[in-house]
Structures are given as structure tokens and as C-alpha cells.
Amino acid sequence: MTGEDSTRLARALIEFREAEGISERELARRTWLSEATIRTFERGRGDLPTPTVARSFEELLGWPPGSIKTAPSEAMGPEASADSAVDLE
């Protein structure tokens, strides 16, 4: 994900949460993703999301399918999943 793509997604997620008046926890519940995943993408860390994570965000934000770039399918594995990442900050 380019810096511009990452910033766009981060801004959209934060704006959505603020507009809805919801917490990271509620956003995680609505998308079926972990709070660590939400924090990762809201901070615009630039990692490509897995297709599953990207689709969840696209559905939530009302963006068309494929509008969020994703990690190549061969990189998909437990270590490549942003939802399995542990936020150490």
C-alpha cells in the first residue's frame, strides 16, 4: 500500500468512527476484526491488508470492492495476516 493509500484508509476509518461516535472495540465488532487490526490501519502503517480485511473495510465504508489494495495471495499465511498481528505499542 502506498503512503497515500494508507493515509486515505486511515483517515476514512477515523472519520467513520467519529461520525458514528463509536470506539475501536465497536468498529472491530462491526467488521469482525481485532482491535489491533483497527489500530494498525488507523495509524496508517502502510501494510497491505489481506483480502478479507480489505473487504471488511470496503463494506463498512461503502467503498466498491477492490478499492483497497491487498497483499498478494501467495503472501497469505498466519504471519501475513494483519488480524493476527500483535500491537506492541
Protein backbone atom coordinates (compact mmCIF):
# COMPACT_ATOMS: atom_id res chain seq x y z
CA MET A 1 0.00 0.00 0.00
CA THR A 2 1.41 3.36 -0.88
CA GLY A 3 1.64 6.06 1.73
CA GLU A 4 -1.25 7.84 0.03
CA ASP A 5 -3.42 4.69 0.08
CA SER A 6 -2.56 4.07 3.72
CA THR A 7 -3.39 7.64 4.68
CA ARG A 8 -6.67 7.50 2.77
CA LEU A 9 -7.77 4.32 4.57
CA ALA A 10 -6.63 5.58 7.98
CA ARG A 11 -8.49 8.87 7.52
CA ALA A 12 -11.64 7.09 6.33
CA LEU A 13 -11.68 4.71 9.30
CA ILE A 14 -11.15 7.51 11.81
CA GLU A 15 -13.77 9.71 10.16
CA PHE A 16 -16.23 6.80 10.15
CA ARG A 17 -15.66 6.12 13.86
CA GLU A 18 -16.03 9.80 14.73
CA ALA A 19 -19.19 10.19 12.63
CA GLU A 20 -20.72 7.11 14.24
CA GLY A 21 -19.43 8.02 17.71
CA ILE A 22 -18.01 4.53 18.20
CA SER A 23 -14.88 3.09 19.77
CA GLU A 24 -12.18 0.91 18.23
CA ARG A 25 -13.84 -2.00 20.03
CA GLU A 26 -17.19 -1.32 18.35
CA LEU A 27 -15.55 -0.90 14.95
CA ALA A 28 -13.76 -4.21 15.50
CA ARG A 29 -17.09 -5.86 16.38
CA ARG A 30 -18.79 -4.45 13.28
CA THR A 31 -16.02 -5.64 10.96
CA TRP A 32 -15.29 -8.94 12.75
CA LEU A 33 -11.64 -7.85 13.02
CA SER A 34 -9.43 -7.40 16.07
CA GLU A 35 -8.85 -4.07 17.80
CA ALA A 36 -5.15 -4.48 16.94
CA THR A 37 -6.08 -4.61 13.25
CA ILE A 38 -8.18 -1.48 13.58
CA ARG A 39 -5.32 0.35 15.33
CA THR A 40 -2.82 -0.85 12.71
CA PHE A 41 -4.78 0.61 9.83
CA GLU A 42 -5.95 3.74 11.64
CA ARG A 43 -2.31 4.58 12.29
CA GLY A 44 -1.57 4.24 8.58
CA ARG A 45 1.34 1.87 8.99
CA GLY A 46 1.34 1.13 5.30
CA ASP A 47 0.96 -2.65 5.44
CA LEU A 48 -1.20 -4.18 2.74
CA PRO A 49 -4.31 -5.69 4.27
CA THR A 50 -5.32 -9.23 3.49
CA PRO A 51 -8.24 -9.51 1.06
CA THR A 52 -10.56 -10.41 3.96
CA VAL A 53 -9.58 -7.31 5.95
CA ALA A 54 -9.85 -5.11 2.87
CA ARG A 55 -13.34 -6.42 2.05
CA SER A 56 -14.49 -5.81 5.62
CA PHE A 57 -13.32 -2.20 5.45
CA GLU A 58 -14.80 -1.67 1.98
CA GLU A 59 -18.20 -2.98 3.11
CA LEU A 60 -18.14 -0.85 6.24
CA LEU A 61 -17.06 2.32 4.43
CA GLY A 62 -19.35 1.74 1.43
CA TRP A 63 -16.40 1.61 -0.97
CA PRO A 64 -16.60 -0.53 -4.11
CA PRO A 65 -14.97 -3.99 -3.98
CA GLY A 66 -11.32 -3.83 -4.96
CA SER A 67 -10.84 -0.19 -3.99
CA ILE A 68 -8.34 -1.14 -1.26
CA LYS A 69 -5.12 -2.72 -2.47
CA THR A 70 -4.40 -6.07 -0.83
CA ALA A 71 -1.45 -8.32 -0.10
CA PRO A 72 -0.65 -10.83 -2.86
CA SER A 73 -2.41 -14.14 -2.26
CA GLU A 74 0.88 -16.07 -2.02
CA ALA A 75 1.83 -13.91 0.98
CA MET A 76 -1.28 -15.01 2.78
CA GLY A 77 -0.48 -17.07 5.80
CA PRO A 78 -0.71 -16.71 9.54
CA GLU A 79 2.31 -14.42 9.60
CA ALA A 80 0.89 -12.21 6.82
CA SER A 81 -2.49 -11.68 8.43
CA ALA A 82 -2.86 -8.17 9.85
CA ASP A 83 -5.66 -9.50 12.05
CA SER A 84 -3.20 -11.82 13.81
CA ALA A 85 -0.66 -9.04 14.40
CA VAL A 86 0.01 -8.04 17.97
CA ASP A 87 0.20 -4.33 18.61
CA LEU A 88 3.26 -3.80 20.78
CA GLU A 89 2.91 -0.05 21.21
